[in-house]
Amino acid sequence: MFPKLAITFAVILYAIAVPILEFNATHVFNPDWTPHALIHEVWQLFTNSSLGILCLWLTWNQGKIILSTVISLFITGSFLIAFALQDTYGGSMKFLDGSEKTLLGFNIGVIGFGSVVILLGLVLFFEYRKNNT
């Protein structure tokens, strides 16, 4: 049950929570963003949410835990890679006013997706071990 719950938690985070946090004036309706950046933002939100629905179906209806985990790792891990590389392309998690959503001094995206990557890594480890023993 742990694998299914971990995947579901990941999907809730990237397919539901992130769109809720980003369909507002700081992201999707931000007048300071170029139209080109906005279309990429909305595309990314719908793609990730669609993949989240697929992952839930794969997990709960098909029992494809490893595939669902890998897809979810691509999504959450890609955020962490983008965060790590932000200085190379001028990205930032700070808002235009210089503020940033943090918890205990760490960016909430890094905390959330970092936690999910660890959880999903554990899922892969245990599933691989279960399937190869």
N, C-alpha and C. Protein backbone atom coordinates (compact mmCIF):
# COMPACT_ATOMS: atom_id res chain seq x y z
N MET A 1 0.82 -1.20 0.00
CA MET A 1 0.00 0.00 0.00
C MET A 1 0.86 1.26 0.00
N PHE A 2 2.06 1.20 0.63
CA PHE A 2 2.95 2.36 0.65
C PHE A 2 3.24 2.91 -0.75
N PRO A 3 3.56 2.05 -1.73
CA PRO A 3 3.83 2.59 -3.06
C PRO A 3 2.65 3.37 -3.64
N LYS A 4 1.46 2.82 -3.51
CA LYS A 4 0.28 3.50 -4.07
C LYS A 4 0.03 4.84 -3.37
N LEU A 5 0.21 4.86 -2.07
CA LEU A 5 -0.01 6.10 -1.33
C LEU A 5 1.08 7.14 -1.65
N ALA A 6 2.31 6.69 -1.81
CA ALA A 6 3.40 7.61 -2.15
C ALA A 6 3.17 8.22 -3.52
N ILE A 7 2.78 7.41 -4.48
CA ILE A 7 2.50 7.92 -5.83
C ILE A 7 1.32 8.88 -5.79
N THR A 8 0.29 8.52 -5.05
CA THR A 8 -0.88 9.39 -4.94
C THR A 8 -0.51 10.73 -4.32
N PHE A 9 0.32 10.70 -3.29
CA PHE A 9 0.78 11.95 -2.66
C PHE A 9 1.55 12.80 -3.68
N ALA A 10 2.43 12.16 -4.44
CA ALA A 10 3.19 12.89 -5.46
C ALA A 10 2.26 13.54 -6.47
N VAL A 11 1.28 12.78 -6.94
CA VAL A 11 0.35 13.30 -7.93
C VAL A 11 -0.47 14.46 -7.36
N ILE A 12 -0.91 14.33 -6.13
CA ILE A 12 -1.65 15.43 -5.50
C ILE A 12 -0.79 16.69 -5.49
N LEU A 13 0.47 16.52 -5.22
CA LEU A 13 1.37 17.67 -5.16
C LEU A 13 1.56 18.31 -6.53
N TYR A 14 1.98 17.50 -7.53
CA TYR A 14 2.31 18.12 -8.82
C TYR A 14 1.13 18.32 -9.76
N ALA A 15 0.05 17.58 -9.57
CA ALA A 15 -1.07 17.68 -10.51
C ALA A 15 -2.24 18.49 -9.97
N ILE A 16 -2.27 18.72 -8.66
CA ILE A 16 -3.37 19.48 -8.07
C ILE A 16 -2.85 20.72 -7.34
N ALA A 17 -1.93 20.52 -6.40
CA ALA A 17 -1.46 21.65 -5.58
C ALA A 17 -0.73 22.70 -6.41
N VAL A 18 0.17 22.25 -7.28
CA VAL A 18 0.93 23.23 -8.08
C VAL A 18 0.00 24.05 -8.98
N PRO A 19 -0.91 23.43 -9.73
CA PRO A 19 -1.82 24.27 -10.52
C PRO A 19 -2.64 25.24 -9.67
N ILE A 20 -3.09 24.80 -8.51
CA ILE A 20 -3.83 25.71 -7.63
C ILE A 20 -2.95 26.90 -7.24
N LEU A 21 -1.70 26.62 -6.94
CA LEU A 21 -0.78 27.69 -6.54
C LEU A 21 -0.37 28.59 -7.71
N GLU A 22 -0.49 28.10 -8.94
CA GLU A 22 0.02 28.87 -10.07
C GLU A 22 -1.05 29.49 -10.97
N PHE A 23 -2.31 29.13 -10.81
CA PHE A 23 -3.37 29.79 -11.58
C PHE A 23 -3.79 31.05 -10.83
N ASN A 24 -2.89 32.03 -10.82
CA ASN A 24 -3.14 33.30 -10.14
C ASN A 24 -2.26 34.38 -10.74
N ALA A 25 -2.24 35.53 -10.09
CA ALA A 25 -1.52 36.69 -10.62
C ALA A 25 0.00 36.55 -10.57
N THR A 26 0.52 35.58 -9.81
CA THR A 26 1.98 35.42 -9.77
C THR A 26 2.50 34.58 -10.93
N HIS A 27 1.62 33.83 -11.58
CA HIS A 27 2.06 32.96 -12.66
C HIS A 27 1.19 33.13 -13.90
N VAL A 28 0.12 32.36 -14.01
CA VAL A 28 -0.69 32.32 -15.23
C VAL A 28 -1.27 33.68 -15.60
N PHE A 29 -1.67 34.46 -14.64
CA PHE A 29 -2.28 35.76 -14.93
C PHE A 29 -1.34 36.92 -14.60
N ASN A 30 -0.05 36.65 -14.65
CA ASN A 30 0.95 37.68 -14.35
C ASN A 30 1.15 38.57 -15.58
N PRO A 31 0.80 39.85 -15.47
CA PRO A 31 0.92 40.74 -16.63
C PRO A 31 2.38 41.01 -17.03
N ASP A 32 3.32 40.71 -16.15
CA ASP A 32 4.73 40.94 -16.47
C ASP A 32 5.36 39.79 -17.25
N TRP A 33 4.66 38.68 -17.35
CA TRP A 33 5.19 37.56 -18.12
C TRP A 33 4.85 37.75 -19.60
N THR A 34 5.75 37.33 -20.46
CA THR A 34 5.46 37.42 -21.89
C THR A 34 4.41 36.37 -22.26
N PRO A 35 3.63 36.64 -23.30
CA PRO A 35 2.64 35.65 -23.74
C PRO A 35 3.27 34.29 -24.03
N HIS A 36 4.48 34.30 -24.56
CA HIS A 36 5.16 33.04 -24.87
C HIS A 36 5.44 32.25 -23.58
N ALA A 37 5.91 32.94 -22.55
CA ALA A 37 6.17 32.27 -21.27
C ALA A 37 4.87 31.75 -20.66
N LEU A 38 3.79 32.51 -20.80
CA LEU A 38 2.50 32.09 -20.24
C LEU A 38 2.00 30.81 -20.90
N ILE A 39 2.15 30.71 -22.21
CA ILE A 39 1.66 29.49 -22.87
C ILE A 39 2.47 28.28 -22.43
N HIS A 40 3.76 28.48 -22.21
CA HIS A 40 4.58 27.38 -21.70
C HIS A 40 4.15 27.00 -20.28
N GLU A 41 3.83 27.97 -19.47
CA GLU A 41 3.39 27.71 -18.10
C GLU A 41 2.09 26.90 -18.08
N VAL A 42 1.11 27.35 -18.85
CA VAL A 42 -0.18 26.65 -18.87
C VAL A 42 -0.02 25.26 -19.48
N TRP A 43 0.78 25.16 -20.51
CA TRP A 43 1.06 23.86 -21.14
C TRP A 43 1.67 22.90 -20.11
N GLN A 44 2.66 23.38 -19.37
CA GLN A 44 3.31 22.56 -18.35
C GLN A 44 2.32 22.12 -17.28
N LEU A 45 1.47 23.02 -16.85
CA LEU A 45 0.49 22.67 -15.82
C LEU A 45 -0.48 21.60 -16.31
N PHE A 46 -1.00 21.76 -17.53
CA PHE A 46 -1.93 20.76 -18.06
C PHE A 46 -1.23 19.44 -18.37
N THR A 47 0.00 19.51 -18.86
CA THR A 47 0.74 18.27 -19.13
C THR A 47 0.99 17.50 -17.83
N ASN A 48 1.48 18.20 -16.82
CA ASN A 48 1.76 17.52 -15.55
C ASN A 48 0.48 16.98 -14.91
N SER A 49 -0.61 17.73 -15.00
CA SER A 49 -1.86 17.24 -14.42
C SER A 49 -2.38 16.03 -15.20
N SER A 50 -2.24 16.06 -16.51
CA SER A 50 -2.66 14.92 -17.33
C SER A 50 -1.83 13.69 -17.02
N LEU A 51 -0.53 13.88 -16.89
CA LEU A 51 0.34 12.76 -16.54
C LEU A 51 0.02 12.25 -15.13
N GLY A 52 -0.38 13.14 -14.25
CA GLY A 52 -0.79 12.72 -12.91
C GLY A 52 -2.01 11.83 -12.95
N ILE A 53 -2.98 12.19 -13.78
CA ILE A 53 -4.18 11.34 -13.94
C ILE A 53 -3.76 9.97 -14.48
N LEU A 54 -2.88 9.98 -15.47
CA LEU A 54 -2.38 8.72 -16.03
C LEU A 54 -1.69 7.89 -14.94
N CYS A 55 -0.88 8.53 -14.12
CA CYS A 55 -0.17 7.81 -13.06
C CYS A 55 -1.14 7.20 -12.05
N LEU A 56 -2.19 7.92 -11.72
CA LEU A 56 -3.18 7.36 -10.80
C LEU A 56 -3.86 6.14 -11.42
N TRP A 57 -4.20 6.23 -12.69
CA TRP A 57 -4.82 5.10 -13.38
C TRP A 57 -3.86 3.91 -13.45
N LEU A 58 -2.61 4.19 -13.82
CA LEU A 58 -1.61 3.12 -13.88
C LEU A 58 -1.43 2.46 -12.52
N THR A 59 -1.44 3.27 -11.48
CA THR A 59 -1.20 2.76 -10.12
C THR A 59 -2.39 1.97 -9.59
N TRP A 60 -3.55 2.59 -9.61
CA TRP A 60 -4.71 2.01 -8.93
C TRP A 60 -5.49 1.02 -9.78
N ASN A 61 -5.46 1.16 -11.11
CA ASN A 61 -6.23 0.26 -11.97
C ASN A 61 -5.39 -0.80 -12.66
N GLN A 62 -4.14 -0.48 -12.94
CA GLN A 62 -3.30 -1.40 -13.70
C GLN A 62 -2.19 -2.04 -12.87
N GLY A 63 -1.95 -1.50 -11.69
CA GLY A 63 -0.88 -2.03 -10.85
C GLY A 63 0.51 -1.79 -11.40
N LYS A 64 0.66 -0.79 -12.24
CA LYS A 64 1.96 -0.46 -12.86
C LYS A 64 2.71 0.54 -11.98
N ILE A 65 3.16 0.05 -10.85
CA ILE A 65 3.79 0.91 -9.85
C ILE A 65 5.09 1.52 -10.37
N ILE A 66 5.94 0.70 -10.96
CA ILE A 66 7.25 1.20 -11.40
C ILE A 66 7.08 2.25 -12.50
N LEU A 67 6.25 1.98 -13.49
CA LEU A 67 6.04 2.96 -14.56
C LEU A 67 5.48 4.26 -14.02
N SER A 68 4.50 4.17 -13.17
CA SER A 68 3.91 5.37 -12.57
C SER A 68 4.93 6.13 -11.73
N THR A 69 5.76 5.41 -11.02
CA THR A 69 6.79 6.04 -10.21
C THR A 69 7.81 6.77 -11.08
N VAL A 70 8.22 6.14 -12.15
CA VAL A 70 9.21 6.76 -13.04
C VAL A 70 8.64 8.03 -13.68
N ILE A 71 7.40 7.98 -14.14
CA ILE A 71 6.78 9.17 -14.72
C ILE A 71 6.73 10.29 -13.68
N SER A 72 6.32 9.96 -12.48
CA SER A 72 6.25 10.97 -11.42
C SER A 72 7.63 11.50 -11.05
N LEU A 73 8.63 10.64 -11.09
CA LEU A 73 10.00 11.10 -10.84
C LEU A 73 10.48 12.04 -11.94
N PHE A 74 10.10 11.77 -13.18
CA PHE A 74 10.46 12.69 -14.27
C PHE A 74 9.91 14.09 -13.99
N ILE A 75 8.67 14.15 -13.56
CA ILE A 75 8.02 15.44 -13.32
C ILE A 75 8.65 16.16 -12.13
N THR A 76 8.73 15.49 -11.01
CA THR A 76 9.24 16.14 -9.80
C THR A 76 10.75 16.35 -9.87
N GLY A 77 11.45 15.39 -10.42
CA GLY A 77 12.90 15.53 -10.56
C GLY A 77 13.27 16.64 -11.53
N SER A 78 12.46 16.82 -12.56
CA SER A 78 12.73 17.89 -13.53
C SER A 78 12.65 19.26 -12.87
N PHE A 79 11.73 19.41 -11.93
CA PHE A 79 11.69 20.68 -11.19
C PHE A 79 12.99 20.90 -10.43
N LEU A 80 13.46 19.86 -9.76
CA LEU A 80 14.70 20.00 -8.98
C LEU A 80 15.89 20.31 -9.88
N ILE A 81 15.92 19.72 -11.06
CA ILE A 81 16.99 20.02 -12.02
C ILE A 81 16.88 21.47 -12.48
N ALA A 82 15.66 21.91 -12.81
CA ALA A 82 15.46 23.30 -13.23
C ALA A 82 15.87 24.26 -12.12
N PHE A 83 15.54 23.92 -10.89
CA PHE A 83 15.92 24.76 -9.75
C PHE A 83 17.44 24.82 -9.62
N ALA A 84 18.09 23.68 -9.73
CA ALA A 84 19.55 23.63 -9.59
C ALA A 84 20.25 24.41 -10.71
N LEU A 85 19.65 24.44 -11.88
CA LEU A 85 20.27 25.10 -13.04
C LEU A 85 19.77 26.52 -13.26
N GLN A 86 18.96 27.06 -12.36
CA GLN A 86 18.31 28.35 -12.59
C GLN A 86 19.28 29.48 -12.90
N ASP A 87 20.45 29.47 -12.32
CA ASP A 87 21.41 30.55 -12.59
C ASP A 87 21.95 30.50 -14.02
N THR A 88 21.90 29.35 -14.65
CA THR A 88 22.43 29.23 -16.01
C THR A 88 21.48 29.79 -17.06
N TYR A 89 20.21 29.93 -16.73
CA TYR A 89 19.25 30.45 -17.71
C TYR A 89 18.45 31.65 -17.20
N GLY A 90 18.83 32.18 -16.05
CA GLY A 90 18.17 33.37 -15.53
C GLY A 90 16.86 33.10 -14.81
N GLY A 91 16.66 31.88 -14.38
CA GLY A 91 15.44 31.53 -13.66
C GLY A 91 15.54 31.90 -12.19
N SER A 92 14.41 31.92 -11.53
CA SER A 92 14.39 32.22 -10.11
C SER A 92 13.05 31.80 -9.53
N MET A 93 13.07 31.42 -8.29
CA MET A 93 11.83 31.11 -7.58
C MET A 93 11.33 32.34 -6.82
N LYS A 94 12.03 33.45 -6.94
CA LYS A 94 11.62 34.67 -6.26
C LYS A 94 10.59 35.41 -7.10
N PHE A 95 9.65 36.03 -6.41
CA PHE A 95 8.66 36.86 -7.07
C PHE A 95 9.30 38.20 -7.42
N LEU A 96 8.60 38.99 -8.22
CA LEU A 96 9.16 40.27 -8.66
C LEU A 96 9.46 41.21 -7.49
N ASP A 97 8.74 41.04 -6.39
CA ASP A 97 9.01 41.89 -5.22
C ASP A 97 10.18 41.37 -4.38
N GLY A 98 10.81 40.29 -4.84
CA GLY A 98 11.97 39.72 -4.15
C GLY A 98 11.64 38.67 -3.11
N SER A 99 10.35 38.47 -2.85
CA SER A 99 9.97 37.47 -1.85
C SER A 99 10.01 36.07 -2.46
N GLU A 100 10.03 35.10 -1.59
CA GLU A 100 10.06 33.70 -2.01
C GLU A 100 9.31 32.88 -0.98
N LYS A 101 8.57 31.89 -1.45
CA LYS A 101 7.85 31.02 -0.52
C LYS A 101 8.83 30.01 0.05
N THR A 102 9.07 30.13 1.35
CA THR A 102 10.04 29.25 2.00
C THR A 102 9.46 28.66 3.28
N LEU A 103 10.09 27.61 3.71
CA LEU A 103 9.79 26.98 4.99
C LEU A 103 11.14 26.67 5.63
N LEU A 104 11.36 27.22 6.80
CA LEU A 104 12.64 27.05 7.50
C LEU A 104 13.82 27.47 6.63
N GLY A 105 13.60 28.48 5.79
CA GLY A 105 14.65 29.01 4.95
C GLY A 105 14.87 28.27 3.64
N PHE A 106 14.08 27.24 3.39
CA PHE A 106 14.22 26.48 2.15
C PHE A 106 12.99 26.71 1.27
N ASN A 107 13.21 26.78 -0.01
CA ASN A 107 12.12 26.97 -0.96
C ASN A 107 11.11 25.83 -0.82
N ILE A 108 9.82 26.18 -0.81
CA ILE A 108 8.80 25.15 -0.60
C ILE A 108 8.74 24.14 -1.74
N GLY A 109 9.06 24.58 -2.94
CA GLY A 109 9.09 23.64 -4.06
C GLY A 109 10.17 22.59 -3.90
N VAL A 110 11.32 23.03 -3.43
CA VAL A 110 12.43 22.10 -3.20
C VAL A 110 12.07 21.14 -2.07
N ILE A 111 11.46 21.66 -1.02
CA ILE A 111 11.05 20.80 0.09
C ILE A 111 10.01 19.78 -0.39
N GLY A 112 8.98 20.26 -1.06
CA GLY A 112 7.90 19.37 -1.51
C GLY A 112 8.37 18.34 -2.50
N PHE A 113 8.98 18.81 -3.58
CA PHE A 113 9.41 17.87 -4.61
C PHE A 113 10.62 17.05 -4.18
N GLY A 114 11.47 17.63 -3.33
CA GLY A 114 12.59 16.85 -2.79
C GLY A 114 12.08 15.69 -1.95
N SER A 115 11.07 15.96 -1.12
CA SER A 115 10.47 14.90 -0.31
C SER A 115 9.84 13.83 -1.18
N VAL A 116 9.16 14.27 -2.23
CA VAL A 116 8.51 13.32 -3.14
C VAL A 116 9.55 12.47 -3.87
N VAL A 117 10.63 13.08 -4.30
CA VAL A 117 11.67 12.31 -4.99
C VAL A 117 12.24 11.25 -4.05
N ILE A 118 12.43 11.59 -2.79
CA ILE A 118 12.91 10.60 -1.82
C ILE A 118 11.88 9.48 -1.66
N LEU A 119 10.62 9.85 -1.48
CA LEU A 119 9.56 8.83 -1.34
C LEU A 119 9.50 7.92 -2.56
N LEU A 120 9.52 8.52 -3.73
CA LEU A 120 9.43 7.73 -4.96
C LEU A 120 10.69 6.89 -5.17
N GLY A 121 11.82 7.41 -4.74
CA GLY A 121 13.05 6.61 -4.79
C GLY A 121 12.93 5.37 -3.91
N LEU A 122 12.31 5.54 -2.75
CA LEU A 122 12.07 4.38 -1.87
C LEU A 122 11.12 3.39 -2.53
N VAL A 123 10.10 3.92 -3.19
CA VAL A 123 9.17 3.03 -3.90
C VAL A 123 9.92 2.21 -4.93
N LEU A 124 10.74 2.87 -5.73
CA LEU A 124 11.51 2.13 -6.75
C LEU A 124 12.41 1.09 -6.11
N PHE A 125 13.07 1.46 -5.04
CA PHE A 125 13.97 0.53 -4.36
C PHE A 125 13.21 -0.71 -3.88
N PHE A 126 12.10 -0.49 -3.18
CA PHE A 126 11.35 -1.63 -2.64
C PHE A 126 10.67 -2.45 -3.73
N GLU A 127 10.18 -1.79 -4.76
CA GLU A 127 9.55 -2.53 -5.86
C GLU A 127 10.59 -3.35 -6.62
N TYR A 128 11.75 -2.78 -6.85
CA TYR A 128 12.80 -3.51 -7.54
C TYR A 128 13.23 -4.72 -6.71
N ARG A 129 13.40 -4.48 -5.41
CA ARG A 129 13.80 -5.56 -4.52
C ARG A 129 12.74 -6.66 -4.47
N LYS A 130 11.48 -6.26 -4.41
CA LYS A 130 10.39 -7.23 -4.37
C LYS A 130 10.33 -8.06 -5.66
N ASN A 131 10.56 -7.40 -6.79
CA ASN A 131 10.47 -8.07 -8.08
C ASN A 131 11.71 -8.88 -8.44
N ASN A 132 12.80 -8.69 -7.70
CA ASN A 132 14.04 -9.38 -8.03
C ASN A 132 14.58 -10.25 -6.90
N THR A 133 13.71 -10.68 -6.02
CA THR A 133 14.17 -11.58 -4.95
C THR A 133 13.45 -12.91 -5.03
